[in-house]
Amino acid sequence: MDYLLKAKQILAGCLSVPVDSISDDGQLEQLSPTIDSVVFANIMMEVENFVQKEIDVTEWLELGSVKDLAGILEKNHRQ
């Protein structure tokens, strides 16, 4: 599973930007400087739907980049 691509797809959908505009090492604030609580909640919901479980809040607090999100997906995905 390409978790980096899945992370980019989730972010693209939630931020309404093209997937190819998201770099592998992009920071979330670079993608959209106006990520508000609603957008962040949508990202959380999409991730939790994908991994089919609730993600611990401490993991969300460390989220800052596309690679961080890919790491959350990889760590929590039930294969």
PDB file of N, CA and C in Angstrom:
ATOM      1  N   MET A   1       0.849  -1.185   0.000  1.00  0.00           N
ATOM      2  CA  MET A   1       0.000   0.000   0.000  1.00  0.00           C
ATOM      3  C   MET A   1       0.887   1.238   0.000  1.00  0.00           C
ATOM      4  N   ASP A   2       0.571   2.169  -0.854  1.00  0.00           N
ATOM      5  CA  ASP A   2       1.307   3.432  -0.923  1.00  0.00           C
ATOM      6  C   ASP A   2       0.622   4.441  -0.002  1.00  0.00           C
ATOM      7  N   TYR A   3       1.089   4.493   1.242  1.00  0.00           N
ATOM      8  CA  TYR A   3       0.462   5.358   2.247  1.00  0.00           C
ATOM      9  C   TYR A   3       0.707   6.838   1.960  1.00  0.00           C
ATOM     10  N   LEU A   4       1.818   7.149   1.329  1.00  0.00           N
ATOM     11  CA  LEU A   4       2.082   8.537   0.984  1.00  0.00           C
ATOM     12  C   LEU A   4       1.067   9.025  -0.045  1.00  0.00           C
ATOM     13  N   LEU A   5       0.781   8.205  -1.040  1.00  0.00           N
ATOM     14  CA  LEU A   5      -0.230   8.568  -2.031  1.00  0.00           C
ATOM     15  C   LEU A   5      -1.604   8.677  -1.386  1.00  0.00           C
ATOM     16  N   LYS A   6      -1.944   7.743  -0.505  1.00  0.00           N
ATOM     17  CA  LYS A   6      -3.250   7.790   0.165  1.00  0.00           C
ATOM     18  C   LYS A   6      -3.367   9.051   1.013  1.00  0.00           C
ATOM     19  N   ALA A   7      -2.297   9.427   1.700  1.00  0.00           N
ATOM     20  CA  ALA A   7      -2.304  10.659   2.491  1.00  0.00           C
ATOM     21  C   ALA A   7      -2.551  11.861   1.589  1.00  0.00           C
ATOM     22  N   LYS A   8      -1.894  11.881   0.439  1.00  0.00           N
ATOM     23  CA  LYS A   8      -2.070  12.990  -0.495  1.00  0.00           C
ATOM     24  C   LYS A   8      -3.498  13.020  -1.044  1.00  0.00           C
ATOM     25  N   GLN A   9      -4.078  11.851  -1.300  1.00  0.00           N
ATOM     26  CA  GLN A   9      -5.455  11.792  -1.794  1.00  0.00           C
ATOM     27  C   GLN A   9      -6.439  12.313  -0.748  1.00  0.00           C
ATOM     28  N   ILE A  10      -6.231  11.935   0.502  1.00  0.00           N
ATOM     29  CA  ILE A  10      -7.104  12.417   1.581  1.00  0.00           C
ATOM     30  C   ILE A  10      -6.993  13.928   1.711  1.00  0.00           C
ATOM     31  N   LEU A  11      -5.768  14.434   1.737  1.00  0.00           N
ATOM     32  CA  LEU A  11      -5.577  15.880   1.866  1.00  0.00           C
ATOM     33  C   LEU A  11      -6.150  16.631   0.674  1.00  0.00           C
ATOM     34  N   ALA A  12      -5.949  16.098  -0.520  1.00  0.00           N
ATOM     35  CA  ALA A  12      -6.471  16.753  -1.723  1.00  0.00           C
ATOM     36  C   ALA A  12      -7.991  16.863  -1.659  1.00  0.00           C
ATOM     37  N   GLY A  13      -8.635  15.795  -1.225  1.00  0.00           N
ATOM     38  CA  GLY A  13     -10.095  15.814  -1.123  1.00  0.00           C
ATOM     39  C   GLY A  13     -10.596  16.790  -0.073  1.00  0.00           C
ATOM     40  N   CYS A  14      -9.937  16.813   1.058  1.00  0.00           N
ATOM     41  CA  CYS A  14     -10.371  17.682   2.160  1.00  0.00           C
ATOM     42  C   CYS A  14     -10.051  19.154   1.915  1.00  0.00           C
ATOM     43  N   LEU A  15      -8.969  19.411   1.189  1.00  0.00           N
ATOM     44  CA  LEU A  15      -8.545  20.791   0.943  1.00  0.00           C
ATOM     45  C   LEU A  15      -8.980  21.318  -0.418  1.00  0.00           C
ATOM     46  N   SER A  16      -9.610  20.458  -1.209  1.00  0.00           N
ATOM     47  CA  SER A  16     -10.060  20.820  -2.563  1.00  0.00           C
ATOM     48  C   SER A  16      -8.915  21.336  -3.426  1.00  0.00           C
ATOM     49  N   VAL A  17      -7.822  20.573  -3.429  1.00  0.00           N
ATOM     50  CA  VAL A  17      -6.673  20.883  -4.286  1.00  0.00           C
ATOM     51  C   VAL A  17      -6.318  19.623  -5.067  1.00  0.00           C
ATOM     52  N   PRO A  18      -5.657  19.771  -6.225  1.00  0.00           N
ATOM     53  CA  PRO A  18      -5.260  18.586  -6.992  1.00  0.00           C
ATOM     54  C   PRO A  18      -4.195  17.770  -6.248  1.00  0.00           C
ATOM     55  N   VAL A  19      -4.275  16.453  -6.360  1.00  0.00           N
ATOM     56  CA  VAL A  19      -3.308  15.569  -5.705  1.00  0.00           C
ATOM     57  C   VAL A  19      -1.890  15.906  -6.140  1.00  0.00           C
ATOM     58  N   ASP A  20      -1.697  16.185  -7.433  1.00  0.00           N
ATOM     59  CA  ASP A  20      -0.342  16.442  -7.937  1.00  0.00           C
ATOM     60  C   ASP A  20       0.232  17.782  -7.482  1.00  0.00           C
ATOM     61  N   SER A  21      -0.576  18.584  -6.812  1.00  0.00           N
ATOM     62  CA  SER A  21      -0.053  19.847  -6.265  1.00  0.00           C
ATOM     63  C   SER A  21       0.513  19.671  -4.860  1.00  0.00           C
ATOM     64  N   ILE A  22       0.386  18.466  -4.314  1.00  0.00           N
ATOM     65  CA  ILE A  22       0.856  18.176  -2.961  1.00  0.00           C
ATOM     66  C   ILE A  22       2.182  17.436  -3.061  1.00  0.00           C
ATOM     67  N   SER A  23       3.235  18.047  -2.523  1.00  0.00           N
ATOM     68  CA  SER A  23       4.546  17.401  -2.567  1.00  0.00           C
ATOM     69  C   SER A  23       4.667  16.385  -1.432  1.00  0.00           C
ATOM     70  N   ASP A  24       5.535  15.397  -1.631  1.00  0.00           N
ATOM     71  CA  ASP A  24       5.713  14.338  -0.641  1.00  0.00           C
ATOM     72  C   ASP A  24       6.149  14.876   0.716  1.00  0.00           C
ATOM     73  N   ASP A  25       6.945  15.923   0.708  1.00  0.00           N
ATOM     74  CA  ASP A  25       7.451  16.470   1.971  1.00  0.00           C
ATOM     75  C   ASP A  25       6.759  17.786   2.343  1.00  0.00           C
ATOM     76  N   GLY A  26       5.577  18.018   1.795  1.00  0.00           N
ATOM     77  CA  GLY A  26       4.840  19.251   2.058  1.00  0.00           C
ATOM     78  C   GLY A  26       4.355  19.355   3.490  1.00  0.00           C
ATOM     79  N   GLN A  27       4.379  20.564   4.005  1.00  0.00           N
ATOM     80  CA  GLN A  27       3.838  20.862   5.329  1.00  0.00           C
ATOM     81  C   GLN A  27       2.376  21.267   5.169  1.00  0.00           C
ATOM     82  N   LEU A  28       1.545  20.929   6.137  1.00  0.00           N
ATOM     83  CA  LEU A  28       0.122  21.223   6.017  1.00  0.00           C
ATOM     84  C   LEU A  28      -0.156  22.707   5.872  1.00  0.00           C
ATOM     85  N   GLU A  29       0.578  23.545   6.604  1.00  0.00           N
ATOM     86  CA  GLU A  29       0.327  24.989   6.498  1.00  0.00           C
ATOM     87  C   GLU A  29       0.713  25.537   5.126  1.00  0.00           C
ATOM     88  N   GLN A  30       1.589  24.839   4.399  1.00  0.00           N
ATOM     89  CA  GLN A  30       1.931  25.249   3.032  1.00  0.00           C
ATOM     90  C   GLN A  30       0.812  24.874   2.063  1.00  0.00           C
ATOM     91  N   LEU A  31       0.121  23.780   2.361  1.00  0.00           N
ATOM     92  CA  LEU A  31      -0.953  23.326   1.474  1.00  0.00           C
ATOM     93  C   LEU A  31      -2.159  24.246   1.554  1.00  0.00           C
ATOM     94  N   SER A  32      -2.478  24.641   2.758  1.00  0.00           N
ATOM     95  CA  SER A  32      -3.619  25.519   2.974  1.00  0.00           C
ATOM     96  C   SER A  32      -3.409  26.259   4.291  1.00  0.00           C
ATOM     97  N   PRO A  33      -3.039  27.532   4.199  1.00  0.00           N
ATOM     98  CA  PRO A  33      -2.763  28.280   5.428  1.00  0.00           C
ATOM     99  C   PRO A  33      -3.996  28.490   6.304  1.00  0.00           C
ATOM    100  N   THR A  34      -5.155  28.167   5.776  1.00  0.00           N
ATOM    101  CA  THR A  34      -6.383  28.400   6.524  1.00  0.00           C
ATOM    102  C   THR A  34      -7.069  27.100   6.929  1.00  0.00           C
ATOM    103  N   ILE A  35      -6.284  26.100   7.344  1.00  0.00           N
ATOM    104  CA  ILE A  35      -6.910  24.869   7.824  1.00  0.00           C
ATOM    105  C   ILE A  35      -7.589  25.185   9.149  1.00  0.00           C
ATOM    106  N   ASP A  36      -8.903  25.111   9.137  1.00  0.00           N
ATOM    107  CA  ASP A  36      -9.652  25.394  10.357  1.00  0.00           C
ATOM    108  C   ASP A  36     -10.101  24.077  10.995  1.00  0.00           C
ATOM    109  N   SER A  37     -10.836  24.190  12.062  1.00  0.00           N
ATOM    110  CA  SER A  37     -11.246  22.998  12.798  1.00  0.00           C
ATOM    111  C   SER A  37     -12.152  22.088  11.970  1.00  0.00           C
ATOM    112  N   VAL A  38     -12.963  22.668  11.100  1.00  0.00           N
ATOM    113  CA  VAL A  38     -13.857  21.867  10.261  1.00  0.00           C
ATOM    114  C   VAL A  38     -13.053  21.049   9.251  1.00  0.00           C
ATOM    115  N   VAL A  39     -12.081  21.675   8.603  1.00  0.00           N
ATOM    116  CA  VAL A  39     -11.233  20.971   7.641  1.00  0.00           C
ATOM    117  C   VAL A  39     -10.427  19.893   8.355  1.00  0.00           C
ATOM    118  N   PHE A  40      -9.867  20.227   9.509  1.00  0.00           N
ATOM    119  CA  PHE A  40      -9.087  19.254  10.258  1.00  0.00           C
ATOM    120  C   PHE A  40      -9.956  18.076  10.686  1.00  0.00           C
ATOM    121  N   ALA A  41     -11.180  18.349  11.092  1.00  0.00           N
ATOM    122  CA  ALA A  41     -12.112  17.283  11.473  1.00  0.00           C
ATOM    123  C   ALA A  41     -12.410  16.387  10.276  1.00  0.00           C
ATOM    124  N   ASN A  42     -12.521  16.973   9.092  1.00  0.00           N
ATOM    125  CA  ASN A  42     -12.750  16.184   7.883  1.00  0.00           C
ATOM    126  C   ASN A  42     -11.562  15.283   7.585  1.00  0.00           C
ATOM    127  N   ILE A  43     -10.346  15.800   7.760  1.00  0.00           N
ATOM    128  CA  ILE A  43      -9.143  14.997   7.565  1.00  0.00           C
ATOM    129  C   ILE A  43      -9.151  13.832   8.551  1.00  0.00           C
ATOM    130  N   MET A  44      -9.443  14.126   9.805  1.00  0.00           N
ATOM    131  CA  MET A  44      -9.495  13.078  10.829  1.00  0.00           C
ATOM    132  C   MET A  44     -10.527  12.011  10.474  1.00  0.00           C
ATOM    133  N   MET A  45     -11.696  12.434  10.043  1.00  0.00           N
ATOM    134  CA  MET A  45     -12.764  11.506   9.708  1.00  0.00           C
ATOM    135  C   MET A  45     -12.366  10.603   8.535  1.00  0.00           C
ATOM    136  N   GLU A  46     -11.767  11.200   7.509  1.00  0.00           N
ATOM    137  CA  GLU A  46     -11.344  10.417   6.352  1.00  0.00           C
ATOM    138  C   GLU A  46     -10.287   9.384   6.734  1.00  0.00           C
ATOM    139  N   VAL A  47      -9.339   9.791   7.551  1.00  0.00           N
ATOM    140  CA  VAL A  47      -8.285   8.875   7.992  1.00  0.00           C
ATOM    141  C   VAL A  47      -8.886   7.749   8.831  1.00  0.00           C
ATOM    142  N   GLU A  48      -9.729   8.094   9.776  1.00  0.00           N
ATOM    143  CA  GLU A  48     -10.315   7.083  10.643  1.00  0.00           C
ATOM    144  C   GLU A  48     -11.240   6.146   9.888  1.00  0.00           C
ATOM    145  N   ASN A  49     -11.918   6.640   8.863  1.00  0.00           N
ATOM    146  CA  ASN A  49     -12.719   5.764   8.007  1.00  0.00           C
ATOM    147  C   ASN A  49     -11.826   4.798   7.245  1.00  0.00           C
ATOM    148  N   PHE A  50     -10.682   5.273   6.782  1.00  0.00           N
ATOM    149  CA  PHE A  50      -9.760   4.428   6.025  1.00  0.00           C
ATOM    150  C   PHE A  50      -9.151   3.335   6.909  1.00  0.00           C
ATOM    151  N   VAL A  51      -8.685   3.707   8.088  1.00  0.00           N
ATOM    152  CA  VAL A  51      -8.029   2.723   8.967  1.00  0.00           C
ATOM    153  C   VAL A  51      -9.037   1.933   9.798  1.00  0.00           C
ATOM    154  N   GLN A  52     -10.283   2.366   9.787  1.00  0.00           N
ATOM    155  CA  GLN A  52     -11.385   1.703  10.480  1.00  0.00           C
ATOM    156  C   GLN A  52     -11.181   1.630  11.996  1.00  0.00           C
ATOM    157  N   LYS A  53     -10.616   2.699  12.542  1.00  0.00           N
ATOM    158  CA  LYS A  53     -10.513   2.810  13.992  1.00  0.00           C
ATOM    159  C   LYS A  53     -10.226   4.262  14.354  1.00  0.00           C
ATOM    160  N   GLU A  54     -10.422   4.564  15.628  1.00  0.00           N
ATOM    161  CA  GLU A  54     -10.152   5.915  16.118  1.00  0.00           C
ATOM    162  C   GLU A  54      -8.650   6.073  16.365  1.00  0.00           C
ATOM    163  N   ILE A  55      -8.105   7.205  15.913  1.00  0.00           N
ATOM    164  CA  ILE A  55      -6.690   7.498  16.090  1.00  0.00           C
ATOM    165  C   ILE A  55      -6.502   8.229  17.414  1.00  0.00           C
ATOM    166  N   ASP A  56      -5.479   7.841  18.149  1.00  0.00           N
ATOM    167  CA  ASP A  56      -5.172   8.477  19.432  1.00  0.00           C
ATOM    168  C   ASP A  56      -4.873   9.963  19.227  1.00  0.00           C
ATOM    169  N   VAL A  57      -5.362  10.792  20.121  1.00  0.00           N
ATOM    170  CA  VAL A  57      -5.222  12.243  20.001  1.00  0.00           C
ATOM    171  C   VAL A  57      -3.759  12.676  19.946  1.00  0.00           C
ATOM    172  N   THR A  58      -2.876  11.961  20.604  1.00  0.00           N
ATOM    173  CA  THR A  58      -1.458  12.351  20.589  1.00  0.00           C
ATOM    174  C   THR A  58      -0.864  12.271  19.191  1.00  0.00           C
ATOM    175  N   GLU A  59      -1.362  11.348  18.374  1.00  0.00           N
ATOM    176  CA  GLU A  59      -0.877  11.267  16.991  1.00  0.00           C
ATOM    177  C   GLU A  59      -1.320  12.485  16.183  1.00  0.00           C
ATOM    178  N   TRP A  60      -2.537  12.945  16.422  1.00  0.00           N
ATOM    179  CA  TRP A  60      -3.030  14.125  15.706  1.00  0.00           C
ATOM    180  C   TRP A  60      -2.251  15.375  16.098  1.00  0.00           C
ATOM    181  N   LEU A  61      -1.838  15.438  17.351  1.00  0.00           N
ATOM    182  CA  LEU A  61      -1.102  16.618  17.814  1.00  0.00           C
ATOM    183  C   LEU A  61       0.264  16.745  17.139  1.00  0.00           C
ATOM    184  N   GLU A  62       0.810  15.637  16.675  1.00  0.00           N
ATOM    185  CA  GLU A  62       2.114  15.642  16.020  1.00  0.00           C
ATOM    186  C   GLU A  62       2.012  15.794  14.507  1.00  0.00           C
ATOM    187  N   LEU A  63       0.809  15.891  13.972  1.00  0.00           N
ATOM    188  CA  LEU A  63       0.609  15.986  12.527  1.00  0.00           C
ATOM    189  C   LEU A  63       1.019  17.359  12.010  1.00  0.00           C
ATOM    190  N   GLY A  64       1.978  17.373  11.103  1.00  0.00           N
ATOM    191  CA  GLY A  64       2.413  18.640  10.532  1.00  0.00           C
ATOM    192  C   GLY A  64       2.728  18.561   9.054  1.00  0.00           C
ATOM    193  N   SER A  65       2.874  17.326   8.541  1.00  0.00           N
ATOM    194  CA  SER A  65       3.282  17.185   7.141  1.00  0.00           C
ATOM    195  C   SER A  65       2.547  16.024   6.479  1.00  0.00           C
ATOM    196  N   VAL A  66       2.715  15.942   5.175  1.00  0.00           N
ATOM    197  CA  VAL A  66       2.140  14.845   4.400  1.00  0.00           C
ATOM    198  C   VAL A  66       2.749  13.522   4.875  1.00  0.00           C
ATOM    199  N   LYS A  67       4.051  13.519   5.118  1.00  0.00           N
ATOM    200  CA  LYS A  67       4.718  12.301   5.587  1.00  0.00           C
ATOM    201  C   LYS A  67       4.214  11.884   6.969  1.00  0.00           C
ATOM    202  N   ASP A  68       3.919  12.856   7.824  1.00  0.00           N
ATOM    203  CA  ASP A  68       3.349  12.535   9.134  1.00  0.00           C
ATOM    204  C   ASP A  68       2.010  11.815   8.973  1.00  0.00           C
ATOM    205  N   LEU A  69       1.189  12.315   8.054  1.00  0.00           N
ATOM    206  CA  LEU A  69      -0.113  11.698   7.820  1.00  0.00           C
ATOM    207  C   LEU A  69       0.059  10.297   7.246  1.00  0.00           C
ATOM    208  N   ALA A  70       0.996  10.123   6.334  1.00  0.00           N
ATOM    209  CA  ALA A  70       1.267   8.792   5.784  1.00  0.00           C
ATOM    210  C   ALA A  70       1.697   7.836   6.890  1.00  0.00           C
ATOM    211  N   GLY A  71       2.480   8.329   7.839  1.00  0.00           N
ATOM    212  CA  GLY A  71       2.907   7.515   8.973  1.00  0.00           C
ATOM    213  C   GLY A  71       1.736   7.084   9.842  1.00  0.00           C
ATOM    214  N   ILE A  72       0.796   7.991  10.054  1.00  0.00           N
ATOM    215  CA  ILE A  72      -0.412   7.655  10.826  1.00  0.00           C
ATOM    216  C   ILE A  72      -1.195   6.570  10.105  1.00  0.00           C
ATOM    217  N   LEU A  73      -1.336   6.714   8.796  1.00  0.00           N
ATOM    218  CA  LEU A  73      -2.069   5.715   8.010  1.00  0.00           C
ATOM    219  C   LEU A  73      -1.379   4.353   8.098  1.00  0.00           C
ATOM    220  N   GLU A  74      -0.074   4.339   7.913  1.00  0.00           N
ATOM    221  CA  GLU A  74       0.660   3.073   7.914  1.00  0.00           C
ATOM    222  C   GLU A  74       0.606   2.402   9.287  1.00  0.00           C
ATOM    223  N   LYS A  75       0.771   3.179  10.328  1.00  0.00           N
ATOM    224  CA  LYS A  75       0.784   2.637  11.689  1.00  0.00           C
ATOM    225  C   LYS A  75      -0.562   2.041  12.091  1.00  0.00           C
ATOM    226  N   ASN A  76      -1.638   2.628  11.607  1.00  0.00           N
ATOM    227  CA  ASN A  76      -2.975   2.257  12.081  1.00  0.00           C
ATOM    228  C   ASN A  76      -3.798   1.434  11.111  1.00  0.00           C
ATOM    229  N   HIS A  77      -3.332   1.210   9.895  1.00  0.00           N
ATOM    230  CA  HIS A  77      -4.115   0.500   8.890  1.00  0.00           C
ATOM    231  C   HIS A  77      -4.120  -0.999   9.175  1.00  0.00           C
ATOM    232  N   ARG A  78      -5.298  -1.548   9.189  1.00  0.00           N
ATOM    233  CA  ARG A  78      -5.445  -3.006   9.369  1.00  0.00           C
ATOM    234  C   ARG A  78      -5.387  -3.660   8.007  1.00  0.00           C
ATOM    235  N   GLN A  79      -4.397  -4.477   7.827  1.00  0.00           N
ATOM    236  CA  GLN A  79      -4.248  -5.125   6.512  1.00  0.00           C
ATOM    237  C   GLN A  79      -4.755  -6.538   6.534  1.00  0.00           C
TER     238      GLN A  79
END
